[in-house]
Amino acid sequence: PLDNVLVRQAMALAINRPEVGAIGETGSETGSYQDGVAGSFRSGGWVDQAQASSYWNDYAFNPSQAEKLLDQAGYTKTVGGVRENSAGQKLSFTMVNNGGYSDWVADGTVIAQQLAKVGIQVTARNESGNAWSSDMSLGHFELGIQDQTSGPGPEYEMRQWLFSGNTAPIGKAASTNFGRYSDPATDALFTAYGKTNSLSAQMAIVNQLEQVVLADVPYIPVVQAVSWDQYSTAEYTGWPTAADPYAQGQTMYPDWGWD
């Protein structure tokens, strides 16, 4: 079923992202955007707002539209609350998660409850950190909760999810592209991005990457991670701030390149 883009689009519409952040993350993290651009970059001109709006207002929570898409996908019959198609194939999945992260477990619970309301059954598989990491890397999952490292621009995170050079066949370790997304045209966008230092050209490329995430739904951004840091201006100035988030405050990859 997950090979069907209509099913993936329906799932993205059926997840109430702000509610996941409010409940699973007790309000410390806000809902994310299906266009794939994190909040810290949304005021900098990186988002093609017209394009995002054309996809159900950037996949704003819309369970009734989700149900319409599932009907179009052929999953019209409901048995025990779970949709299935004419061949008896059910929309029922397991979801791999890190059981050591209590907030992620709570996120997974909320997501499963939301998807159940449109007839999609999700059973959590909350594993040890090592087992979860291995299963994600090797592709031994149907659905999974995972995060990626951000950076000084939206392309950094998108590359981790979408670039085929970061994945591997199922059973082999992928570095970051755990969903095994592979598309030559998308790879070409990342190659082009790396060859230009023109901000306008980079933004145009990111707009095309947004189109990939919006149309294909290879992954579903749910909440925006927070990165805590503290600093003193007594001896040094120029730290990243909310007004100038040129890097993360923490010395994390890839931002440690700014040091």
Protein backbone atom coordinates (compact mmCIF):
# COMPACT_ATOMS: atom_id res chain seq x y z
CA PRO A 1 0.00 0.00 0.00
CA LEU A 2 2.82 2.45 0.75
CA ASP A 3 3.89 2.23 -2.89
CA ASN A 4 0.65 4.07 -3.69
CA VAL A 5 1.25 7.83 -3.57
CA LEU A 6 -2.43 8.43 -2.74
CA VAL A 7 -2.01 6.43 0.46
CA ARG A 8 1.08 8.43 1.42
CA GLN A 9 -0.69 11.70 0.66
CA ALA A 10 -3.67 10.60 2.74
CA MET A 11 -1.44 9.78 5.68
CA ALA A 12 0.17 13.22 5.48
CA LEU A 13 -3.29 14.84 5.54
CA ALA A 14 -4.56 12.67 8.40
CA ILE A 15 -1.76 13.58 10.81
CA ASN A 16 -2.50 16.61 12.94
CA ARG A 17 1.07 17.85 13.31
CA PRO A 18 0.44 20.65 15.83
CA GLU A 19 -1.45 18.18 18.02
CA VAL A 20 1.48 15.75 17.92
CA GLY A 21 3.78 18.55 19.09
CA ALA A 22 1.35 19.72 21.75
CA ILE A 23 0.75 16.26 23.22
CA GLY A 24 3.78 14.15 22.37
CA GLU A 25 6.30 16.94 22.88
CA THR A 26 4.29 18.78 25.58
CA GLY A 27 4.38 21.90 23.44
CA SER A 28 8.17 22.22 23.24
CA GLU A 29 8.12 21.36 19.53
CA THR A 30 5.71 22.71 16.96
CA GLY A 31 4.16 21.02 13.96
CA SER A 32 6.24 20.77 10.81
CA TYR A 33 5.45 21.37 7.13
CA GLN A 34 5.09 18.85 4.34
CA ASP A 35 7.08 21.09 1.99
CA GLY A 36 10.16 20.07 4.00
CA VAL A 37 11.45 23.52 4.95
CA ALA A 38 12.06 23.93 8.68
CA GLY A 39 10.67 26.89 10.59
CA SER A 40 13.98 28.72 10.96
CA PHE A 41 14.15 29.17 7.16
CA ARG A 42 10.53 29.94 6.39
CA SER A 43 10.91 33.71 6.64
CA GLY A 44 14.00 33.79 4.42
CA GLY A 45 12.30 33.24 1.07
CA TRP A 46 13.07 29.52 0.83
CA VAL A 47 9.45 28.39 0.62
CA ASP A 48 7.46 28.45 -2.62
CA GLN A 49 4.22 29.34 -0.87
CA ALA A 50 2.03 29.10 -3.98
CA GLN A 51 3.34 25.63 -4.73
CA ALA A 52 2.87 24.46 -1.14
CA SER A 53 -0.65 25.89 -0.99
CA SER A 54 -1.64 23.99 -4.13
CA TYR A 55 -1.23 20.74 -2.16
CA TRP A 56 -4.20 21.09 0.19
CA ASN A 57 -2.71 24.14 1.88
CA ASP A 58 0.63 22.41 2.42
CA TYR A 59 -1.12 19.28 3.73
CA ALA A 60 -2.86 21.09 6.55
CA PHE A 61 -4.74 18.62 8.75
CA ASN A 62 -7.68 17.44 6.65
CA PRO A 63 -9.01 13.96 7.52
CA SER A 64 -12.00 14.24 5.18
CA GLN A 65 -9.68 14.82 2.21
CA ALA A 66 -7.52 11.94 3.44
CA GLU A 67 -10.54 9.65 3.30
CA LYS A 68 -11.33 10.78 -0.24
CA LEU A 69 -7.80 9.91 -1.35
CA LEU A 70 -8.01 6.50 0.31
CA ASP A 71 -11.27 5.88 -1.55
CA GLN A 72 -9.53 6.85 -4.80
CA ALA A 73 -6.72 4.45 -3.95
CA GLY A 74 -9.26 1.63 -3.73
CA TYR A 75 -9.32 1.17 0.03
CA THR A 76 -13.05 1.53 0.47
CA LYS A 77 -14.10 -1.35 2.68
CA THR A 78 -13.66 -1.12 6.43
CA VAL A 79 -13.27 -4.28 8.51
CA GLY A 80 -12.82 -3.82 12.24
CA GLY A 81 -12.04 -0.17 11.69
CA VAL A 82 -9.28 -0.89 9.16
CA ARG A 83 -9.65 -0.06 5.48
CA GLU A 84 -8.95 -2.70 2.88
CA ASN A 85 -9.16 -2.99 -0.90
CA SER A 86 -11.10 -5.47 -3.04
CA ALA A 87 -8.26 -7.99 -2.73
CA GLY A 88 -8.46 -7.90 1.06
CA GLN A 89 -5.21 -5.96 1.43
CA LYS A 90 -5.44 -3.94 4.64
CA LEU A 91 -4.00 -0.55 5.49
CA SER A 92 -2.21 -2.00 8.52
CA PHE A 93 1.41 -1.27 9.35
CA THR A 94 3.98 -1.59 12.09
CA MET A 95 5.94 1.50 13.08
CA VAL A 96 9.51 1.20 14.34
CA ASN A 97 10.42 3.67 17.07
CA ASN A 98 13.09 4.27 19.70
CA GLY A 99 11.47 3.05 22.90
CA GLY A 100 14.06 4.90 24.96
CA TYR A 101 12.72 8.27 23.86
CA SER A 102 9.55 8.81 25.85
CA ASP A 103 8.52 11.81 23.75
CA TRP A 104 8.92 9.85 20.51
CA VAL A 105 6.85 7.02 21.96
CA ALA A 106 4.16 9.57 22.85
CA ASP A 107 4.41 11.05 19.33
CA GLY A 108 3.92 7.60 17.83
CA THR A 109 0.88 6.97 20.01
CA VAL A 110 -0.77 10.21 18.90
CA ILE A 111 0.03 9.55 15.23
CA ALA A 112 -1.44 6.04 15.44
CA GLN A 113 -4.62 7.39 17.03
CA GLN A 114 -4.99 10.02 14.30
CA LEU A 115 -4.44 7.58 11.44
CA ALA A 116 -6.91 5.12 12.97
CA LYS A 117 -9.66 7.71 12.52
CA VAL A 118 -9.34 7.41 8.71
CA GLY A 119 -9.05 3.61 8.75
CA ILE A 120 -5.25 3.17 8.85
CA GLN A 121 -4.00 0.83 11.56
CA VAL A 122 -0.54 1.46 12.99
CA THR A 123 1.02 -0.85 15.57
CA ALA A 124 4.00 0.58 17.42
CA ARG A 125 7.21 -1.43 17.67
CA ASN A 126 9.10 0.46 20.38
CA GLU A 127 12.59 -1.02 20.40
CA SER A 128 15.88 -0.55 22.18
CA GLY A 129 18.06 2.19 20.75
CA ASN A 130 20.42 -0.28 19.10
CA ALA A 131 17.64 -2.39 17.57
CA TRP A 132 15.79 0.70 16.31
CA SER A 133 18.94 2.20 14.80
CA SER A 134 19.77 -1.09 13.07
CA ASP A 135 16.26 -1.62 11.72
CA MET A 136 16.08 1.92 10.36
CA SER A 137 19.50 1.71 8.73
CA LEU A 138 18.91 -1.72 7.19
CA GLY A 139 15.37 -0.89 6.02
CA HIS A 140 13.68 -3.45 8.24
CA PHE A 141 10.49 -1.47 8.80
CA GLU A 142 7.22 -0.40 7.20
CA LEU A 143 6.88 2.93 9.00
CA GLY A 144 9.46 4.50 11.27
CA ILE A 145 10.08 7.57 13.37
CA GLN A 146 13.47 9.16 12.82
CA ASP A 147 15.08 12.60 12.66
CA GLN A 148 17.84 14.16 10.61
CA THR A 149 20.52 16.76 11.25
CA SER A 150 19.67 20.25 10.07
CA GLY A 151 22.13 22.82 8.80
CA PRO A 152 22.51 26.37 7.49
CA GLY A 153 19.99 25.79 4.70
CA PRO A 154 16.97 23.55 3.87
CA GLU A 155 18.97 21.53 1.32
CA TYR A 156 21.07 19.94 4.09
CA GLU A 157 18.12 18.06 5.61
CA MET A 158 16.46 17.30 2.28
CA ARG A 159 19.69 15.74 1.01
CA GLN A 160 19.71 13.30 3.90
CA TRP A 161 16.18 12.10 3.15
CA LEU A 162 16.24 12.14 -0.66
CA PHE A 163 19.75 11.72 -2.10
CA SER A 164 20.22 8.17 -3.38
CA GLY A 165 23.91 8.26 -2.45
CA ASN A 166 22.80 8.18 1.18
CA THR A 167 20.83 4.96 0.87
CA ALA A 168 21.49 1.28 0.18
CA PRO A 169 19.55 -1.87 -0.77
CA ILE A 170 17.36 -3.29 2.00
CA GLY A 171 19.57 -5.35 4.26
CA LYS A 172 22.55 -3.05 3.68
CA ALA A 173 23.23 -0.06 5.91
CA ALA A 174 21.97 3.31 4.68
CA SER A 175 23.61 6.39 6.16
CA THR A 176 20.58 8.69 6.28
CA ASN A 177 18.11 7.97 3.44
CA PHE A 178 16.37 5.20 5.36
CA GLY A 179 13.24 5.30 3.20
CA ARG A 180 15.33 4.21 0.19
CA TYR A 181 14.08 7.06 -1.99
CA SER A 182 15.89 7.10 -5.32
CA ASP A 183 15.23 9.33 -8.31
CA PRO A 184 17.87 10.43 -10.86
CA ALA A 185 16.19 13.80 -11.44
CA THR A 186 16.23 14.53 -7.71
CA ASP A 187 19.88 13.48 -7.45
CA ALA A 188 20.65 15.93 -10.27
CA LEU A 189 19.15 18.75 -8.21
CA PHE A 190 21.54 18.04 -5.36
CA THR A 191 24.46 17.94 -7.78
CA ALA A 192 23.42 21.29 -9.22
CA TYR A 193 23.05 22.77 -5.74
CA GLY A 194 26.61 21.83 -4.88
CA LYS A 195 27.94 23.56 -7.99
CA THR A 196 26.54 27.03 -7.32
CA ASN A 197 27.05 29.66 -4.66
CA SER A 198 24.25 31.81 -6.05
CA LEU A 199 21.57 32.23 -3.40
CA SER A 200 18.82 32.70 -5.98
CA ALA A 201 19.90 29.53 -7.81
CA GLN A 202 19.99 27.59 -4.54
CA MET A 203 16.49 28.78 -3.65
CA ALA A 204 15.20 27.76 -7.07
CA ILE A 205 16.65 24.28 -6.57
CA VAL A 206 15.13 23.97 -3.10
CA ASN A 207 11.76 24.93 -4.60
CA GLN A 208 12.09 21.94 -6.93
CA LEU A 209 13.01 19.71 -3.99
CA GLU A 210 9.90 20.96 -2.19
CA GLN A 211 7.90 19.77 -5.20
CA VAL A 212 9.36 16.28 -4.74
CA VAL A 213 8.37 16.16 -1.08
CA LEU A 214 4.91 17.60 -1.72
CA ALA A 215 4.03 15.42 -4.72
CA ASP A 216 5.70 12.11 -3.86
CA VAL A 217 5.52 12.28 -0.04
CA PRO A 218 8.65 10.13 0.38
CA TYR A 219 8.63 11.15 4.05
CA ILE A 220 6.27 13.05 6.34
CA PRO A 221 7.76 15.84 8.48
CA VAL A 222 5.70 15.83 11.68
CA VAL A 223 7.35 18.03 14.32
CA GLN A 224 10.24 20.47 14.28
CA ALA A 225 13.12 19.56 16.54
CA VAL A 226 14.51 22.09 18.97
CA SER A 227 18.19 22.55 19.74
CA TRP A 228 18.97 24.02 23.13
CA ASP A 229 22.09 26.07 23.77
CA GLN A 230 23.38 28.83 26.00
CA TYR A 231 26.17 31.32 25.46
CA SER A 232 27.87 34.35 26.99
CA THR A 233 28.80 37.55 25.18
CA ALA A 234 31.33 38.51 27.85
CA GLU A 235 34.28 37.42 25.72
CA TYR A 236 32.79 36.58 22.32
CA THR A 237 29.96 37.92 20.20
CA GLY A 238 28.31 36.85 16.95
CA TRP A 239 26.46 33.82 18.31
CA PRO A 240 23.52 32.37 16.34
CA THR A 241 20.26 33.87 17.54
CA ALA A 242 16.58 33.54 16.68
CA ALA A 243 16.95 36.71 14.61
CA ASP A 244 20.07 35.41 12.83
CA PRO A 245 19.95 31.58 12.82
CA TYR A 246 22.91 31.12 10.48
CA ALA A 247 23.83 27.90 12.31
CA GLN A 248 22.75 25.85 15.30
CA GLY A 249 23.91 27.10 18.65
CA GLN A 250 25.26 23.68 19.51
CA THR A 251 28.45 22.49 17.85
CA MET A 252 26.70 19.87 15.74
CA TYR A 253 27.33 18.56 12.23
CA PRO A 254 27.35 20.24 9.77
CA ASP A 255 27.39 23.57 11.59
CA TRP A 256 30.69 22.95 13.31
CA GLY A 257 32.17 23.92 9.98
CA TRP A 258 31.47 27.52 10.98
CA ASP A 259 33.83 27.34 13.97
